[in-house]
């Protein structure tokens, strides 16, 4: 409702909902079943789900298939651009998680000082 009131086409709203549902499901499955460190699971599940999210959203919401905001020739670049930004954010989150976990396991003392 809020997207429609802001003028977004229904295709973008629907693409966002579909890509979110699919990518979050994939992310949860990978995070739950992959046995690694917390930071490793965050990075693997997040980057894999981000690729699915980017591909679904750009294809379903921005391509000539629906709105035509992005031509077919530019779709790979749009997906890659979204994926690069999301992956950088996932990497930062994983690094922060690893640092936080290290501090908490050392009683709040940074790992280098412990």
N, C-alpha and C. Protein backbone atom coordinates (compact mmCIF):
# COMPACT_ATOMS: atom_id res chain seq x y z
N UNK A 1 0.84 -1.19 0.00
CA UNK A 1 0.00 0.00 0.00
C UNK A 1 0.88 1.24 0.00
N UNK A 2 1.93 1.26 0.83
CA UNK A 2 2.77 2.46 0.88
C UNK A 2 3.53 2.66 -0.42
N UNK A 3 3.98 1.58 -1.05
CA UNK A 3 4.69 1.71 -2.32
C UNK A 3 3.78 2.29 -3.39
N UNK A 4 2.53 1.82 -3.43
CA UNK A 4 1.58 2.34 -4.41
C UNK A 4 1.30 3.81 -4.16
N UNK A 5 1.20 4.21 -2.90
CA UNK A 5 0.93 5.61 -2.59
C UNK A 5 2.12 6.51 -2.95
N UNK A 6 3.31 5.93 -2.99
CA UNK A 6 4.50 6.69 -3.39
C UNK A 6 4.71 6.69 -4.90
N UNK A 7 3.85 5.98 -5.61
CA UNK A 7 3.93 5.98 -7.06
C UNK A 7 4.70 4.84 -7.67
N UNK A 8 5.13 3.87 -6.88
CA UNK A 8 5.83 2.71 -7.43
C UNK A 8 4.85 1.82 -8.17
N UNK A 9 5.24 1.35 -9.35
CA UNK A 9 4.37 0.41 -10.06
C UNK A 9 4.18 -0.87 -9.25
N UNK A 10 3.06 -1.50 -9.40
CA UNK A 10 2.76 -2.73 -8.70
C UNK A 10 3.81 -3.81 -8.97
N UNK A 11 4.36 -3.82 -10.18
CA UNK A 11 5.38 -4.82 -10.53
C UNK A 11 6.60 -4.72 -9.62
N UNK A 12 6.98 -3.51 -9.26
CA UNK A 12 8.15 -3.33 -8.39
C UNK A 12 7.83 -3.82 -6.98
N UNK A 13 6.65 -3.51 -6.51
CA UNK A 13 6.25 -3.96 -5.18
C UNK A 13 6.17 -5.48 -5.13
N UNK A 14 5.57 -6.08 -6.15
CA UNK A 14 5.45 -7.54 -6.20
C UNK A 14 6.83 -8.18 -6.34
N UNK A 15 7.68 -7.62 -7.19
CA UNK A 15 9.03 -8.16 -7.37
C UNK A 15 9.82 -8.10 -6.07
N UNK A 16 9.65 -7.04 -5.33
CA UNK A 16 10.34 -6.90 -4.06
C UNK A 16 9.87 -7.96 -3.08
N UNK A 17 8.56 -8.18 -3.01
CA UNK A 17 8.01 -9.18 -2.09
C UNK A 17 8.45 -10.59 -2.46
N UNK A 18 8.40 -10.91 -3.76
CA UNK A 18 8.78 -12.25 -4.22
C UNK A 18 10.28 -12.49 -3.99
N UNK A 19 11.09 -11.52 -4.37
CA UNK A 19 12.54 -11.71 -4.23
C UNK A 19 12.93 -11.79 -2.75
N UNK A 20 12.26 -11.01 -1.90
CA UNK A 20 12.54 -11.08 -0.46
C UNK A 20 12.18 -12.45 0.09
N UNK A 21 11.00 -12.95 -0.24
CA UNK A 21 10.56 -14.25 0.28
C UNK A 21 11.50 -15.37 -0.17
N UNK A 22 11.86 -15.37 -1.44
CA UNK A 22 12.75 -16.42 -1.95
C UNK A 22 14.15 -16.34 -1.34
N UNK A 23 14.70 -15.14 -1.31
CA UNK A 23 16.08 -15.00 -0.82
C UNK A 23 16.18 -15.23 0.68
N UNK A 24 15.20 -14.80 1.44
CA UNK A 24 15.24 -15.04 2.89
C UNK A 24 15.08 -16.52 3.21
N UNK A 25 14.27 -17.21 2.43
CA UNK A 25 14.12 -18.65 2.62
C UNK A 25 15.45 -19.36 2.35
N UNK A 26 16.08 -19.00 1.24
CA UNK A 26 17.38 -19.59 0.90
C UNK A 26 18.42 -19.26 1.96
N UNK A 27 18.45 -18.01 2.39
CA UNK A 27 19.43 -17.59 3.40
C UNK A 27 19.25 -18.37 4.70
N UNK A 28 18.02 -18.54 5.13
CA UNK A 28 17.74 -19.29 6.35
C UNK A 28 18.19 -20.74 6.23
N UNK A 29 17.89 -21.34 5.09
CA UNK A 29 18.29 -22.74 4.88
C UNK A 29 19.80 -22.90 4.91
N UNK A 30 20.51 -22.03 4.22
CA UNK A 30 21.97 -22.12 4.19
C UNK A 30 22.55 -21.85 5.57
N UNK A 31 22.08 -20.81 6.23
CA UNK A 31 22.60 -20.45 7.55
C UNK A 31 22.37 -21.58 8.55
N UNK A 32 21.21 -22.21 8.49
CA UNK A 32 20.87 -23.26 9.44
C UNK A 32 21.65 -24.55 9.20
N UNK A 33 21.86 -24.90 7.95
CA UNK A 33 22.45 -26.20 7.64
C UNK A 33 23.97 -26.18 7.44
N UNK A 34 24.56 -25.03 7.20
CA UNK A 34 26.00 -24.95 6.99
C UNK A 34 26.70 -24.93 8.34
N UNK A 35 27.69 -25.78 8.49
CA UNK A 35 28.41 -25.87 9.76
C UNK A 35 29.74 -25.15 9.63
N UNK A 36 29.80 -23.96 10.19
CA UNK A 36 31.01 -23.15 10.15
C UNK A 36 30.91 -22.13 11.27
N UNK A 37 31.84 -21.21 11.29
CA UNK A 37 31.78 -20.13 12.27
C UNK A 37 30.58 -19.25 11.97
N UNK A 38 30.18 -18.48 12.95
CA UNK A 38 29.05 -17.58 12.77
C UNK A 38 29.32 -16.62 11.61
N UNK A 39 30.52 -16.04 11.58
CA UNK A 39 30.86 -15.10 10.51
C UNK A 39 30.84 -15.79 9.15
N UNK A 40 31.32 -17.03 9.09
CA UNK A 40 31.31 -17.78 7.83
C UNK A 40 29.89 -18.06 7.35
N UNK A 41 29.01 -18.41 8.28
CA UNK A 41 27.62 -18.68 7.90
C UNK A 41 26.92 -17.41 7.46
N UNK A 42 27.21 -16.29 8.14
CA UNK A 42 26.61 -15.01 7.74
C UNK A 42 27.05 -14.66 6.33
N UNK A 43 28.34 -14.80 6.06
CA UNK A 43 28.87 -14.43 4.75
C UNK A 43 28.34 -15.35 3.65
N UNK A 44 28.38 -16.65 3.85
CA UNK A 44 27.93 -17.59 2.83
C UNK A 44 26.43 -17.47 2.56
N UNK A 45 25.63 -17.47 3.61
CA UNK A 45 24.18 -17.40 3.42
C UNK A 45 23.76 -16.06 2.85
N UNK A 46 24.37 -15.00 3.33
CA UNK A 46 24.01 -13.66 2.87
C UNK A 46 24.39 -13.39 1.42
N UNK A 47 25.60 -13.80 1.04
CA UNK A 47 26.02 -13.53 -0.33
C UNK A 47 25.27 -14.39 -1.34
N UNK A 48 24.96 -15.62 -0.96
CA UNK A 48 24.20 -16.49 -1.86
C UNK A 48 22.78 -15.97 -2.03
N UNK A 49 22.16 -15.61 -0.92
CA UNK A 49 20.79 -15.08 -0.98
C UNK A 49 20.74 -13.74 -1.70
N UNK A 50 21.79 -12.94 -1.56
CA UNK A 50 21.84 -11.65 -2.24
C UNK A 50 21.83 -11.80 -3.76
N UNK A 51 22.52 -12.81 -4.25
CA UNK A 51 22.53 -13.05 -5.69
C UNK A 51 21.13 -13.39 -6.18
N UNK A 52 20.43 -14.27 -5.46
CA UNK A 52 19.06 -14.62 -5.83
C UNK A 52 18.15 -13.41 -5.73
N UNK A 53 18.27 -12.64 -4.66
CA UNK A 53 17.45 -11.44 -4.48
C UNK A 53 17.66 -10.44 -5.61
N UNK A 54 18.91 -10.19 -5.94
CA UNK A 54 19.22 -9.23 -7.00
C UNK A 54 18.68 -9.69 -8.35
N UNK A 55 18.91 -10.95 -8.68
CA UNK A 55 18.45 -11.48 -9.97
C UNK A 55 16.93 -11.45 -10.07
N UNK A 56 16.26 -11.87 -9.01
CA UNK A 56 14.78 -11.87 -9.04
C UNK A 56 14.23 -10.45 -9.13
N UNK A 57 14.72 -9.56 -8.28
CA UNK A 57 14.16 -8.21 -8.25
C UNK A 57 14.38 -7.47 -9.57
N UNK A 58 15.60 -7.50 -10.06
CA UNK A 58 15.88 -6.78 -11.30
C UNK A 58 15.08 -7.36 -12.47
N UNK A 59 15.03 -8.68 -12.54
CA UNK A 59 14.31 -9.32 -13.65
C UNK A 59 12.81 -9.10 -13.55
N UNK A 60 12.25 -9.30 -12.36
CA UNK A 60 10.80 -9.20 -12.20
C UNK A 60 10.29 -7.77 -12.06
N UNK A 61 11.10 -6.88 -11.53
CA UNK A 61 10.62 -5.54 -11.26
C UNK A 61 11.09 -4.44 -12.18
N UNK A 62 12.24 -4.61 -12.81
CA UNK A 62 12.81 -3.51 -13.58
C UNK A 62 12.99 -3.80 -15.07
N UNK A 63 12.91 -5.05 -15.46
CA UNK A 63 13.19 -5.44 -16.85
C UNK A 63 12.00 -5.14 -17.78
N UNK A 64 12.21 -5.30 -19.08
CA UNK A 64 11.11 -5.15 -20.04
C UNK A 64 9.99 -6.16 -19.82
N UNK A 65 10.25 -7.18 -19.03
CA UNK A 65 9.23 -8.16 -18.69
C UNK A 65 8.03 -7.49 -17.99
N UNK A 66 8.32 -6.42 -17.21
CA UNK A 66 7.26 -5.72 -16.48
C UNK A 66 7.29 -4.22 -16.73
N UNK A 67 8.18 -3.51 -16.06
CA UNK A 67 8.17 -2.04 -16.13
C UNK A 67 8.99 -1.47 -17.27
N UNK A 68 10.03 -2.16 -17.67
CA UNK A 68 10.89 -1.66 -18.74
C UNK A 68 11.84 -0.56 -18.32
N UNK A 69 12.05 -0.39 -17.01
CA UNK A 69 12.97 0.64 -16.54
C UNK A 69 14.42 0.35 -16.94
N UNK A 70 14.75 -0.94 -17.04
CA UNK A 70 16.11 -1.34 -17.41
C UNK A 70 16.01 -2.24 -18.64
N UNK A 71 16.70 -1.89 -19.74
CA UNK A 71 16.65 -2.73 -20.94
C UNK A 71 17.36 -4.06 -20.72
N UNK A 72 17.00 -5.06 -21.52
CA UNK A 72 17.60 -6.39 -21.36
C UNK A 72 19.12 -6.35 -21.38
N UNK A 73 19.68 -5.51 -22.22
CA UNK A 73 21.14 -5.45 -22.33
C UNK A 73 21.81 -4.99 -21.03
N UNK A 74 21.08 -4.23 -20.22
CA UNK A 74 21.65 -3.70 -18.98
C UNK A 74 21.32 -4.56 -17.75
N UNK A 75 20.51 -5.59 -17.92
CA UNK A 75 20.11 -6.42 -16.79
C UNK A 75 21.30 -7.07 -16.07
N UNK A 76 22.25 -7.68 -16.79
CA UNK A 76 23.39 -8.28 -16.08
C UNK A 76 24.18 -7.25 -15.24
N UNK A 77 24.36 -6.07 -15.77
CA UNK A 77 25.06 -5.03 -15.02
C UNK A 77 24.29 -4.56 -13.81
N UNK A 78 22.97 -4.47 -13.95
CA UNK A 78 22.14 -4.06 -12.81
C UNK A 78 22.18 -5.11 -11.71
N UNK A 79 22.13 -6.37 -12.10
CA UNK A 79 22.21 -7.46 -11.11
C UNK A 79 23.59 -7.44 -10.45
N UNK A 80 24.63 -7.30 -11.24
CA UNK A 80 25.99 -7.28 -10.70
C UNK A 80 26.19 -6.10 -9.75
N UNK A 81 25.69 -4.94 -10.12
CA UNK A 81 25.82 -3.76 -9.26
C UNK A 81 25.15 -3.96 -7.92
N UNK A 82 23.93 -4.48 -7.94
CA UNK A 82 23.23 -4.74 -6.68
C UNK A 82 23.98 -5.79 -5.86
N UNK A 83 24.45 -6.82 -6.53
CA UNK A 83 25.13 -7.91 -5.83
C UNK A 83 26.44 -7.42 -5.18
N UNK A 84 27.18 -6.59 -5.87
CA UNK A 84 28.44 -6.07 -5.33
C UNK A 84 28.20 -5.27 -4.05
N UNK A 85 27.21 -4.39 -4.08
CA UNK A 85 26.91 -3.58 -2.90
C UNK A 85 26.42 -4.46 -1.75
N UNK A 86 25.53 -5.39 -2.04
CA UNK A 86 25.01 -6.28 -0.99
C UNK A 86 26.11 -7.17 -0.42
N UNK A 87 27.02 -7.63 -1.26
CA UNK A 87 28.12 -8.48 -0.79
C UNK A 87 29.06 -7.69 0.11
N UNK A 88 29.33 -6.46 -0.25
CA UNK A 88 30.17 -5.61 0.60
C UNK A 88 29.53 -5.41 1.97
N UNK A 89 28.23 -5.22 1.98
CA UNK A 89 27.52 -5.07 3.25
C UNK A 89 27.55 -6.36 4.07
N UNK A 90 27.41 -7.50 3.39
CA UNK A 90 27.48 -8.79 4.07
C UNK A 90 28.87 -9.02 4.65
N UNK A 91 29.90 -8.67 3.91
CA UNK A 91 31.27 -8.84 4.39
C UNK A 91 31.52 -7.97 5.62
N UNK A 92 31.02 -6.75 5.59
CA UNK A 92 31.17 -5.87 6.75
C UNK A 92 30.42 -6.44 7.96
N UNK A 93 29.24 -6.97 7.73
CA UNK A 93 28.46 -7.56 8.81
C UNK A 93 29.14 -8.79 9.39
N UNK A 94 29.71 -9.61 8.53
CA UNK A 94 30.42 -10.81 9.00
C UNK A 94 31.66 -10.43 9.79
N UNK A 95 32.39 -9.43 9.32
CA UNK A 95 33.59 -8.98 10.04
C UNK A 95 33.21 -8.40 11.40
N UNK A 96 32.16 -7.61 11.43
CA UNK A 96 31.70 -7.05 12.70
C UNK A 96 31.27 -8.15 13.66
N UNK A 97 30.56 -9.13 13.14
CA UNK A 97 30.11 -10.26 13.96
C UNK A 97 31.30 -11.02 14.54
N UNK A 98 32.32 -11.24 13.73
CA UNK A 98 33.51 -11.96 14.20
C UNK A 98 34.22 -11.16 15.29
N UNK A 99 34.34 -9.85 15.11
CA UNK A 99 34.98 -9.01 16.12
C UNK A 99 34.18 -8.98 17.42
N UNK A 100 32.88 -8.84 17.29
CA UNK A 100 32.02 -8.80 18.47
C UNK A 100 32.08 -10.12 19.24
N UNK A 101 32.02 -11.21 18.50
CA UNK A 101 32.07 -12.54 19.14
C UNK A 101 33.42 -12.74 19.84
N UNK A 102 34.50 -12.27 19.22
CA UNK A 102 35.82 -12.39 19.80
C UNK A 102 35.91 -11.58 21.10
N UNK A 103 35.37 -10.38 21.07
CA UNK A 103 35.39 -9.55 22.28
C UNK A 103 34.57 -10.16 23.40
N UNK A 104 33.41 -10.67 23.05
CA UNK A 104 32.54 -11.26 24.08
C UNK A 104 33.17 -12.51 24.69
N UNK A 105 33.89 -13.27 23.87
CA UNK A 105 34.52 -14.48 24.40
C UNK A 105 35.76 -14.15 25.24
N UNK A 106 36.31 -12.94 25.10
CA UNK A 106 37.47 -12.51 25.89
C UNK A 106 37.08 -11.59 27.03
N UNK A 107 35.82 -11.61 27.41
CA UNK A 107 35.37 -10.77 28.52
C UNK A 107 35.34 -9.29 28.18
N UNK A 108 35.13 -8.96 26.93
CA UNK A 108 35.06 -7.55 26.52
C UNK A 108 36.38 -6.94 26.14
N UNK A 109 37.46 -7.72 26.22
CA UNK A 109 38.80 -7.23 25.86
C UNK A 109 39.06 -7.53 24.39
N UNK A 110 39.54 -6.55 23.61
CA UNK A 110 39.85 -6.83 22.20
C UNK A 110 40.84 -7.99 22.08
N UNK A 111 40.70 -8.79 21.01
CA UNK A 111 41.51 -9.99 20.82
C UNK A 111 43.00 -9.69 20.82
N UNK A 112 43.45 -8.56 20.28
CA UNK A 112 44.86 -8.24 20.21
C UNK A 112 45.42 -7.96 21.61
N UNK A 113 44.60 -7.46 22.52
CA UNK A 113 45.06 -7.13 23.86
C UNK A 113 44.95 -8.32 24.82
N UNK A 114 44.22 -9.34 24.41
CA UNK A 114 44.00 -10.48 25.31
C UNK A 114 45.19 -11.41 25.39
